[in-house]
Amino acid sequence: MVNLAYAQGAAGAPEAGSIMSFVVPMIFMVVIFYFLLIRPQQKKSKEHKALLDNLKKGDRIITSGGLIGTIINIDDQIVNVEIADKVRIEMGRPYIAGFAPKKSG
């Protein structure tokens, strides 16, 4: 019975191989998360900021809620948008999702 206990080794002492087999996959997972999640989100955020910085009066936009309209007036945080004839709304600048296609006709 005593020989069996010595053959199994020390119960609390981690081996160098077992630590590396844990650390290497964790590093690999962090790298994968960076390239699949974090980096694309940073790129998308940078593109949206550039879009908001380049807005000007007369641009046709689409909001994150799906409304399409033309910018009438623009301030630092508030944008006045005309969504139909004589129908104007105020909205926050960050809620602009992008440029809308030009009107046909």
Protein backbone atom coordinates (compact mmCIF):
# COMPACT_ATOMS: atom_id res chain seq x y z
CA MET A 1 0.00 0.00 0.00
CA VAL A 2 2.85 2.42 0.79
CA ASN A 3 4.50 1.80 -2.58
CA LEU A 4 1.32 2.84 -4.38
CA ALA A 5 1.26 6.22 -2.61
CA TYR A 6 4.86 7.00 -3.56
CA ALA A 7 4.22 6.03 -7.17
CA GLN A 8 1.47 8.66 -7.54
CA GLY A 9 3.80 11.52 -6.56
CA ALA A 10 3.12 14.52 -4.35
CA ALA A 11 -0.54 15.53 -4.45
CA GLY A 12 -0.06 19.32 -4.00
CA ALA A 13 3.01 19.93 -6.17
CA PRO A 14 2.12 21.13 -9.70
CA GLU A 15 4.36 20.00 -12.50
CA ALA A 16 5.92 22.45 -14.95
CA GLY A 17 4.18 20.77 -17.87
CA SER A 18 0.74 21.13 -16.32
CA ILE A 19 1.19 24.88 -15.79
CA MET A 20 2.26 25.40 -19.41
CA SER A 21 -0.64 23.31 -20.64
CA PHE A 22 -2.94 25.79 -18.87
CA VAL A 23 -1.17 29.08 -19.73
CA VAL A 24 -0.63 28.49 -23.45
CA PRO A 25 -4.33 27.85 -24.28
CA MET A 26 -5.37 30.86 -22.17
CA ILE A 27 -2.99 33.13 -24.10
CA PHE A 28 -4.27 31.64 -27.35
CA MET A 29 -7.88 32.38 -26.32
CA VAL A 30 -7.04 35.99 -25.41
CA VAL A 31 -5.44 36.50 -28.83
CA ILE A 32 -8.48 35.01 -30.58
CA PHE A 33 -10.86 37.26 -28.59
CA TYR A 34 -8.76 40.29 -29.47
CA PHE A 35 -8.83 39.65 -33.22
CA LEU A 36 -12.44 38.44 -33.42
CA LEU A 37 -14.19 40.79 -30.96
CA ILE A 38 -12.16 43.71 -29.64
CA ARG A 39 -10.32 44.86 -32.77
CA PRO A 40 -13.38 44.90 -35.10
CA GLN A 41 -15.38 46.81 -32.47
CA GLN A 42 -12.64 49.43 -32.18
CA LYS A 43 -12.55 49.78 -35.97
CA LYS A 44 -16.34 50.17 -36.16
CA SER A 45 -16.28 52.77 -33.37
CA LYS A 46 -13.56 54.75 -35.16
CA GLU A 47 -15.55 54.71 -38.43
CA HIS A 48 -18.72 55.91 -36.65
CA LYS A 49 -16.82 58.76 -35.00
CA ALA A 50 -15.44 59.81 -38.39
CA LEU A 51 -18.97 59.72 -39.82
CA LEU A 52 -20.28 61.96 -37.03
CA ASP A 53 -17.38 64.39 -37.45
CA ASN A 54 -18.05 64.76 -41.19
CA LEU A 55 -21.79 65.51 -40.98
CA LYS A 56 -22.96 68.76 -42.52
CA LYS A 57 -26.17 70.61 -43.26
CA GLY A 58 -28.08 69.08 -46.18
CA ASP A 59 -26.77 65.52 -45.69
CA ARG A 60 -29.36 62.76 -45.97
CA ILE A 61 -29.04 60.42 -43.00
CA ILE A 62 -30.57 57.33 -41.44
CA THR A 63 -30.98 57.09 -37.68
CA SER A 64 -30.41 54.05 -35.52
CA GLY A 65 -34.21 53.87 -35.20
CA GLY A 66 -34.61 53.67 -38.98
CA LEU A 67 -35.85 57.19 -39.73
CA ILE A 68 -34.50 58.81 -42.88
CA GLY A 69 -34.23 62.56 -43.21
CA THR A 70 -32.17 65.57 -44.17
CA ILE A 71 -30.06 67.55 -41.71
CA ILE A 72 -31.44 71.08 -41.28
CA ASN A 73 -29.19 72.28 -38.45
CA ILE A 74 -26.34 70.63 -36.58
CA ASP A 75 -24.76 71.45 -33.20
CA ASP A 76 -22.24 69.66 -31.02
CA GLN A 77 -24.76 67.16 -29.61
CA ILE A 78 -28.14 67.98 -31.21
CA VAL A 79 -29.15 67.54 -34.85
CA ASN A 80 -32.35 68.93 -36.39
CA VAL A 81 -33.63 66.59 -39.08
CA GLU A 82 -36.49 67.06 -41.54
CA ILE A 83 -38.13 63.67 -42.07
CA ALA A 84 -41.05 64.91 -44.23
CA ASP A 85 -42.31 68.22 -45.58
CA LYS A 86 -42.42 70.61 -42.60
CA VAL A 87 -41.90 67.73 -40.12
CA ARG A 88 -38.73 68.36 -38.15
CA ILE A 89 -37.30 66.46 -35.20
CA GLU A 90 -34.40 66.99 -32.85
CA MET A 91 -32.17 64.04 -32.09
CA GLY A 92 -28.88 63.28 -30.45
CA ARG A 93 -25.90 63.23 -32.76
CA PRO A 94 -24.69 59.76 -31.64
CA TYR A 95 -27.96 58.19 -32.85
CA ILE A 96 -27.12 58.78 -36.49
CA ALA A 97 -26.33 55.38 -38.00
CA GLY A 98 -25.10 56.46 -41.41
CA PHE A 99 -25.79 58.20 -44.67
CA ALA A 100 -29.05 57.37 -46.44
CA PRO A 101 -29.28 56.79 -50.17
CA LYS A 102 -30.15 59.80 -52.28
CA LYS A 103 -33.80 60.40 -53.17
CA SER A 104 -34.75 59.14 -56.58
CA GLY A 105 -36.81 61.53 -58.63
